[in-house]
PDB file of N, CA and C in Angstrom:
ATOM      1  N   UNK A   1       0.587  -1.122  -0.214  1.00  0.00           N
ATOM      2  CA  UNK A   1      -0.046   0.093  -0.452  1.00  0.00           C
ATOM      3  C   UNK A   1       1.341   0.897  -0.274  1.00  0.00           C
ATOM      4  N   UNK A   2       0.770   1.689  -0.959  1.00  0.00           N
ATOM      5  CA  UNK A   2       1.100   3.180  -1.060  1.00  0.00           C
ATOM      6  C   UNK A   2       0.966   4.613  -0.173  1.00  0.00           C
ATOM      7  N   UNK A   3       1.557   5.050   0.104  1.00  0.00           N
ATOM      8  CA  UNK A   3       0.975   5.926   1.471  1.00  0.00           C
ATOM      9  C   UNK A   3       0.697   7.334   0.009  1.00  0.00           C
ATOM     10  N   UNK A   4      -0.586   8.222   0.718  1.00  0.00           N
ATOM     11  CA  UNK A   4      -0.522   9.453  -0.209  1.00  0.00           C
ATOM     12  C   UNK A   4       0.649  11.098   0.061  1.00  0.00           C
ATOM     13  N   UNK A   5       1.275  10.518   1.054  1.00  0.00           N
ATOM     14  CA  UNK A   5       2.577  11.536   1.536  1.00  0.00           C
ATOM     15  C   UNK A   5       4.043  10.427   2.060  1.00  0.00           C
ATOM     16  N   UNK A   6       4.936  10.944   1.697  1.00  0.00           N
ATOM     17  CA  UNK A   6       5.968   9.970   2.434  1.00  0.00           C
ATOM     18  C   UNK A   6       6.030  10.713   3.635  1.00  0.00           C
ATOM     19  N   UNK A   7       6.568   9.412   4.057  1.00  0.00           N
ATOM     20  CA  UNK A   7       6.901  10.093   6.067  1.00  0.00           C
ATOM     21  C   UNK A   7       8.698  10.066   5.860  1.00  0.00           C
ATOM     22  N   UNK A   8       8.950  11.100   6.704  1.00  0.00           N
ATOM     23  CA  UNK A   8      10.608  11.023   7.132  1.00  0.00           C
ATOM     24  C   UNK A   8      10.956  10.035   7.827  1.00  0.00           C
ATOM     25  N   UNK A   9       9.731   9.518   8.618  1.00  0.00           N
ATOM     26  CA  UNK A   9       9.641   7.900   9.182  1.00  0.00           C
ATOM     27  C   UNK A   9       8.197   7.539   9.651  1.00  0.00           C
ATOM     28  N   UNK A  10       8.371   6.350   9.513  1.00  0.00           N
ATOM     29  CA  UNK A  10       6.827   5.666   9.563  1.00  0.00           C
ATOM     30  C   UNK A  10       6.893   4.702  10.790  1.00  0.00           C
ATOM     31  N   UNK A  11       6.242   4.936  12.246  1.00  0.00           N
ATOM     32  CA  UNK A  11       6.195   4.030  13.306  1.00  0.00           C
ATOM     33  C   UNK A  11       5.103   3.515  13.960  1.00  0.00           C
ATOM     34  N   UNK A  12       4.399   3.584  13.486  1.00  0.00           N
ATOM     35  CA  UNK A  12       2.685   2.432  13.898  1.00  0.00           C
ATOM     36  C   UNK A  12       1.561   2.815  12.730  1.00  0.00           C
ATOM     37  N   UNK A  13       1.481   1.829  12.402  1.00  0.00           N
ATOM     38  CA  UNK A  13       0.507   1.410  11.269  1.00  0.00           C
ATOM     39  C   UNK A  13      -0.973   0.788  12.474  1.00  0.00           C
ATOM     40  N   UNK A  14      -1.715   1.111  12.210  1.00  0.00           N
ATOM     41  CA  UNK A  14      -3.035   0.639  13.144  1.00  0.00           C
ATOM     42  C   UNK A  14      -4.358   0.078  11.479  1.00  0.00           C
ATOM     43  N   UNK A  15      -4.463  -1.384  11.267  1.00  0.00           N
ATOM     44  CA  UNK A  15      -5.707  -2.078  11.172  1.00  0.00           C
ATOM     45  C   UNK A  15      -7.274  -2.623  11.482  1.00  0.00           C
ATOM     46  N   UNK A  16      -7.729  -2.083  10.178  1.00  0.00           N
ATOM     47  CA  UNK A  16      -9.294  -2.694  10.632  1.00  0.00           C
ATOM     48  C   UNK A  16      -9.965  -3.440  10.327  1.00  0.00           C
ATOM     49  N   UNK A  17     -10.611  -4.621  10.326  1.00  0.00           N
ATOM     50  CA  UNK A  17     -11.413  -5.578   9.232  1.00  0.00           C
ATOM     51  C   UNK A  17     -12.837  -5.518   9.607  1.00  0.00           C
ATOM     52  N   UNK A  18     -14.104  -5.358   8.963  1.00  0.00           N
ATOM     53  CA  UNK A  18     -15.298  -6.192   9.283  1.00  0.00           C
ATOM     54  C   UNK A  18     -15.320  -7.201   8.321  1.00  0.00           C
ATOM     55  N   UNK A  19     -15.908  -7.630   8.925  1.00  0.00           N
ATOM     56  CA  UNK A  19     -17.041  -9.078   7.822  1.00  0.00           C
ATOM     57  C   UNK A  19     -18.190  -9.661   9.028  1.00  0.00           C
ATOM     58  N   UNK A  20     -18.991 -10.833   7.713  1.00  0.00           N
ATOM     59  CA  UNK A  20     -19.965 -11.309   8.645  1.00  0.00           C
ATOM     60  C   UNK A  20     -19.109 -12.897   9.397  1.00  0.00           C
ATOM     61  N   UNK A  21     -19.026 -12.751  10.855  1.00  0.00           N
ATOM     62  CA  UNK A  21     -18.603 -14.250  11.328  1.00  0.00           C
ATOM     63  C   UNK A  21     -19.648 -14.760  11.288  1.00  0.00           C
ATOM     64  N   UNK A  22     -20.284 -15.932  10.597  1.00  0.00           N
ATOM     65  CA  UNK A  22     -21.023 -16.927  10.839  1.00  0.00           C
ATOM     66  C   UNK A  22     -20.497 -18.041  11.143  1.00  0.00           C
ATOM     67  N   UNK A  23     -19.104 -18.100  11.159  1.00  0.00           N
ATOM     68  CA  UNK A  23     -18.414 -20.063  11.034  1.00  0.00           C
ATOM     69  C   UNK A  23     -17.616 -19.568  12.112  1.00  0.00           C
ATOM     70  N   UNK A  24     -17.114 -18.709  12.918  1.00  0.00           N
ATOM     71  CA  UNK A  24     -16.004 -18.685  13.767  1.00  0.00           C
ATOM     72  C   UNK A  24     -14.838 -18.585  13.489  1.00  0.00           C
ATOM     73  N   UNK A  25     -15.038 -17.925  12.242  1.00  0.00           N
ATOM     74  CA  UNK A  25     -14.110 -17.834  11.258  1.00  0.00           C
ATOM     75  C   UNK A  25     -13.013 -16.460  12.197  1.00  0.00           C
ATOM     76  N   UNK A  26     -11.858 -16.537  11.332  1.00  0.00           N
ATOM     77  CA  UNK A  26     -10.868 -15.346  11.842  1.00  0.00           C
ATOM     78  C   UNK A  26     -10.242 -15.201  10.987  1.00  0.00           C
ATOM     79  N   UNK A  27     -10.429 -13.607  10.715  1.00  0.00           N
ATOM     80  CA  UNK A  27      -8.926 -13.136   9.860  1.00  0.00           C
ATOM     81  C   UNK A  27      -8.765 -11.971  10.461  1.00  0.00           C
ATOM     82  N   UNK A  28      -7.155 -11.597   9.344  1.00  0.00           N
ATOM     83  CA  UNK A  28      -6.049 -11.267  10.714  1.00  0.00           C
ATOM     84  C   UNK A  28      -5.588  -9.999   9.692  1.00  0.00           C
ATOM     85  N   UNK A  29      -4.620  -8.811   9.977  1.00  0.00           N
ATOM     86  CA  UNK A  29      -4.107  -8.192   8.570  1.00  0.00           C
ATOM     87  C   UNK A  29      -2.916  -7.571   9.571  1.00  0.00           C
ATOM     88  N   UNK A  30      -1.782  -7.995   8.812  1.00  0.00           N
ATOM     89  CA  UNK A  30      -0.487  -7.673   9.808  1.00  0.00           C
ATOM     90  C   UNK A  30       0.347  -6.936   8.474  1.00  0.00           C
ATOM     91  N   UNK A  31       1.286  -5.951   9.050  1.00  0.00           N
ATOM     92  CA  UNK A  31       2.203  -5.568   7.917  1.00  0.00           C
ATOM     93  C   UNK A  31       3.460  -6.542   7.871  1.00  0.00           C
ATOM     94  N   UNK A  32       4.571  -6.353   6.668  1.00  0.00           N
ATOM     95  CA  UNK A  32       5.366  -7.353   6.844  1.00  0.00           C
ATOM     96  C   UNK A  32       6.447  -6.231   6.318  1.00  0.00           C
ATOM     97  N   UNK A  33       6.134  -5.272   6.218  1.00  0.00           N
ATOM     98  CA  UNK A  33       7.309  -4.114   6.617  1.00  0.00           C
ATOM     99  C   UNK A  33       6.837  -2.691   6.360  1.00  0.00           C
ATOM    100  N   UNK A  34       7.588  -1.367   6.777  1.00  0.00           N
ATOM    101  CA  UNK A  34       6.984  -0.583   6.793  1.00  0.00           C
ATOM    102  C   UNK A  34       8.438   0.464   6.178  1.00  0.00           C
ATOM    103  N   UNK A  35       7.884   1.028   5.403  1.00  0.00           N
ATOM    104  CA  UNK A  35       8.683   2.370   4.902  1.00  0.00           C
ATOM    105  C   UNK A  35       8.947   3.212   4.997  1.00  0.00           C
ATOM    106  N   UNK A  36       8.894   4.219   4.183  1.00  0.00           N
ATOM    107  CA  UNK A  36       8.783   6.002   3.916  1.00  0.00           C
ATOM    108  C   UNK A  36       7.660   6.355   2.980  1.00  0.00           C
ATOM    109  N   UNK A  37       7.485   4.961   2.418  1.00  0.00           N
ATOM    110  CA  UNK A  37       6.724   5.564   1.525  1.00  0.00           C
ATOM    111  C   UNK A  37       5.548   4.965   1.123  1.00  0.00           C
ATOM    112  N   UNK A  38       5.394   3.404   1.381  1.00  0.00           N
ATOM    113  CA  UNK A  38       4.944   2.535   1.568  1.00  0.00           C
ATOM    114  C   UNK A  38       4.621   0.804   2.129  1.00  0.00           C
ATOM    115  N   UNK A  39       4.396   1.031   2.427  1.00  0.00           N
ATOM    116  CA  UNK A  39       4.097  -0.704   3.308  1.00  0.00           C
ATOM    117  C   UNK A  39       2.930  -1.831   2.638  1.00  0.00           C
ATOM    118  N   UNK A  40       4.321  -3.181   3.052  1.00  0.00           N
ATOM    119  CA  UNK A  40       3.389  -4.365   2.748  1.00  0.00           C
ATOM    120  C   UNK A  40       2.862  -5.139   3.943  1.00  0.00           C
ATOM    121  N   UNK A  41       1.582  -5.663   3.247  1.00  0.00           N
ATOM    122  CA  UNK A  41       0.871  -6.628   4.344  1.00  0.00           C
ATOM    123  C   UNK A  41       0.960  -7.903   3.897  1.00  0.00           C
ATOM    124  N   UNK A  42       0.170  -9.010   5.149  1.00  0.00           N
ATOM    125  CA  UNK A  42      -0.410 -10.449   4.619  1.00  0.00           C
ATOM    126  C   UNK A  42      -1.593 -10.453   5.397  1.00  0.00           C
ATOM    127  N   UNK A  43      -2.590 -10.556   4.733  1.00  0.00           N
ATOM    128  CA  UNK A  43      -3.547 -10.906   5.108  1.00  0.00           C
ATOM    129  C   UNK A  43      -4.246 -12.879   5.029  1.00  0.00           C
ATOM    130  N   UNK A  44      -4.576 -13.219   5.979  1.00  0.00           N
ATOM    131  CA  UNK A  44      -4.773 -14.452   6.795  1.00  0.00           C
ATOM    132  C   UNK A  44      -6.240 -14.825   7.335  1.00  0.00           C
ATOM    133  N   UNK A  45      -6.737 -15.632   6.727  1.00  0.00           N
ATOM    134  CA  UNK A  45      -7.824 -16.893   7.116  1.00  0.00           C
ATOM    135  C   UNK A  45      -7.750 -18.224   7.989  1.00  0.00           C
ATOM    136  N   UNK A  46      -8.454 -18.012   8.961  1.00  0.00           N
ATOM    137  CA  UNK A  46      -8.385 -19.751   9.433  1.00  0.00           C
ATOM    138  C   UNK A  46      -9.629 -19.929  10.215  1.00  0.00           C
ATOM    139  N   UNK A  47     -10.221 -21.073   9.804  1.00  0.00           N
ATOM    140  CA  UNK A  47     -11.417 -21.364  10.774  1.00  0.00           C
ATOM    141  C   UNK A  47     -10.488 -23.336  11.294  1.00  0.00           C
ATOM    142  N   UNK A  48     -11.959 -23.467  11.221  1.00  0.00           N
ATOM    143  CA  UNK A  48     -11.963 -25.274  12.243  1.00  0.00           C
ATOM    144  C   UNK A  48     -11.047 -25.687  11.432  1.00  0.00           C
ATOM    145  N   UNK A  49     -10.947 -25.634   9.957  1.00  0.00           N
ATOM    146  CA  UNK A  49     -10.380 -26.717   8.967  1.00  0.00           C
ATOM    147  C   UNK A  49      -9.310 -25.804   7.628  1.00  0.00           C
ATOM    148  N   UNK A  50      -9.203 -24.630   7.644  1.00  0.00           N
ATOM    149  CA  UNK A  50      -8.192 -24.180   6.915  1.00  0.00           C
ATOM    150  C   UNK A  50      -7.708 -22.992   7.695  1.00  0.00           C
ATOM    151  N   UNK A  51      -6.757 -22.817   7.058  1.00  0.00           N
ATOM    152  CA  UNK A  51      -5.630 -21.961   7.293  1.00  0.00           C
ATOM    153  C   UNK A  51      -5.313 -21.230   5.425  1.00  0.00           C
ATOM    154  N   UNK A  52      -5.464 -20.336   5.472  1.00  0.00           N
ATOM    155  CA  UNK A  52      -5.215 -19.618   4.101  1.00  0.00           C
ATOM    156  C   UNK A  52      -4.965 -18.267   3.374  1.00  0.00           C
ATOM    157  N   UNK A  53      -4.461 -17.711   2.561  1.00  0.00           N
ATOM    158  CA  UNK A  53      -4.478 -16.372   2.647  1.00  0.00           C
ATOM    159  C   UNK A  53      -5.760 -15.321   2.471  1.00  0.00           C
ATOM    160  N   UNK A  54      -6.045 -14.245   2.536  1.00  0.00           N
ATOM    161  CA  UNK A  54      -7.254 -13.303   2.581  1.00  0.00           C
ATOM    162  C   UNK A  54      -7.685 -12.466   1.241  1.00  0.00           C
ATOM    163  N   UNK A  55      -8.665 -12.476   1.192  1.00  0.00           N
ATOM    164  CA  UNK A  55      -8.819 -11.200   0.264  1.00  0.00           C
ATOM    165  C   UNK A  55      -9.895 -10.065   0.791  1.00  0.00           C
ATOM    166  N   UNK A  56      -9.347 -10.013   2.370  1.00  0.00           N
ATOM    167  CA  UNK A  56     -10.602  -9.028   2.885  1.00  0.00           C
ATOM    168  C   UNK A  56     -10.189  -8.635   3.303  1.00  0.00           C
ATOM    169  N   UNK A  57     -11.165  -6.702   2.494  1.00  0.00           N
ATOM    170  CA  UNK A  57     -10.810  -5.766   2.502  1.00  0.00           C
ATOM    171  C   UNK A  57     -10.128  -5.177   4.332  1.00  0.00           C
ATOM    172  N   UNK A  58      -9.787  -4.389   4.193  1.00  0.00           N
ATOM    173  CA  UNK A  58      -9.513  -3.490   5.722  1.00  0.00           C
ATOM    174  C   UNK A  58      -9.252  -2.295   5.142  1.00  0.00           C
ATOM    175  N   UNK A  59      -9.324  -1.754   6.845  1.00  0.00           N
ATOM    176  CA  UNK A  59      -8.726  -0.023   6.727  1.00  0.00           C
ATOM    177  C   UNK A  59      -7.867   0.121   7.578  1.00  0.00           C
ATOM    178  N   UNK A  60      -6.463   1.215   7.253  1.00  0.00           N
ATOM    179  CA  UNK A  60      -5.585   1.477   8.289  1.00  0.00           C
ATOM    180  C   UNK A  60      -5.335   2.597   7.802  1.00  0.00           C
ATOM    181  N   UNK A  61      -4.785   3.445   9.034  1.00  0.00           N
ATOM    182  CA  UNK A  61      -4.602   4.598   9.345  1.00  0.00           C
ATOM    183  C   UNK A  61      -2.693   4.496   9.426  1.00  0.00           C
ATOM    184  N   UNK A  62      -1.407   5.296   9.220  1.00  0.00           N
ATOM    185  CA  UNK A  62      -0.370   6.025   9.468  1.00  0.00           C
ATOM    186  C   UNK A  62       0.548   6.478  10.383  1.00  0.00           C
ATOM    187  N   UNK A  63       1.333   5.972  11.020  1.00  0.00           N
ATOM    188  CA  UNK A  63       1.394   7.161  12.228  1.00  0.00           C
ATOM    189  C   UNK A  63       3.276   7.790  12.336  1.00  0.00           C
ATOM    190  N   UNK A  64       3.412   8.658  11.978  1.00  0.00           N
ATOM    191  CA  UNK A  64       5.159   8.794  12.048  1.00  0.00           C
ATOM    192  C   UNK A  64       5.276  10.490  11.951  1.00  0.00           C
ATOM    193  N   UNK A  65       6.505  10.689  11.453  1.00  0.00           N
ATOM    194  CA  UNK A  65       6.495  11.648  11.638  1.00  0.00           C
ATOM    195  C   UNK A  65       6.911  12.571  10.280  1.00  0.00           C
ATOM    196  N   UNK A  66       6.762  13.520   9.574  1.00  0.00           N
ATOM    197  CA  UNK A  66       6.881  13.896   7.933  1.00  0.00           C
ATOM    198  C   UNK A  66       7.703  14.918   8.484  1.00  0.00           C
ATOM    199  N   UNK A  67       7.943  14.716   6.352  1.00  0.00           N
ATOM    200  CA  UNK A  67       9.009  15.191   6.039  1.00  0.00           C
ATOM    201  C   UNK A  67       9.357  16.818   6.657  1.00  0.00           C
TER     202      UNK A  67
END
């Protein structure tokens, strides 16, 4: 994900995701790396019998020092 503006340094990311959870499953969003102008994420899905990559949408906010 590219930031709309580059940071001098980005030191915090927060994620939020919502979905209809009808089968006691879990979705997670975590960052893999943070850079001044972008970050990379991985999304996972798990239920009683499956662990897989997820395409679930999410919201994010970045906090850092601006140039």
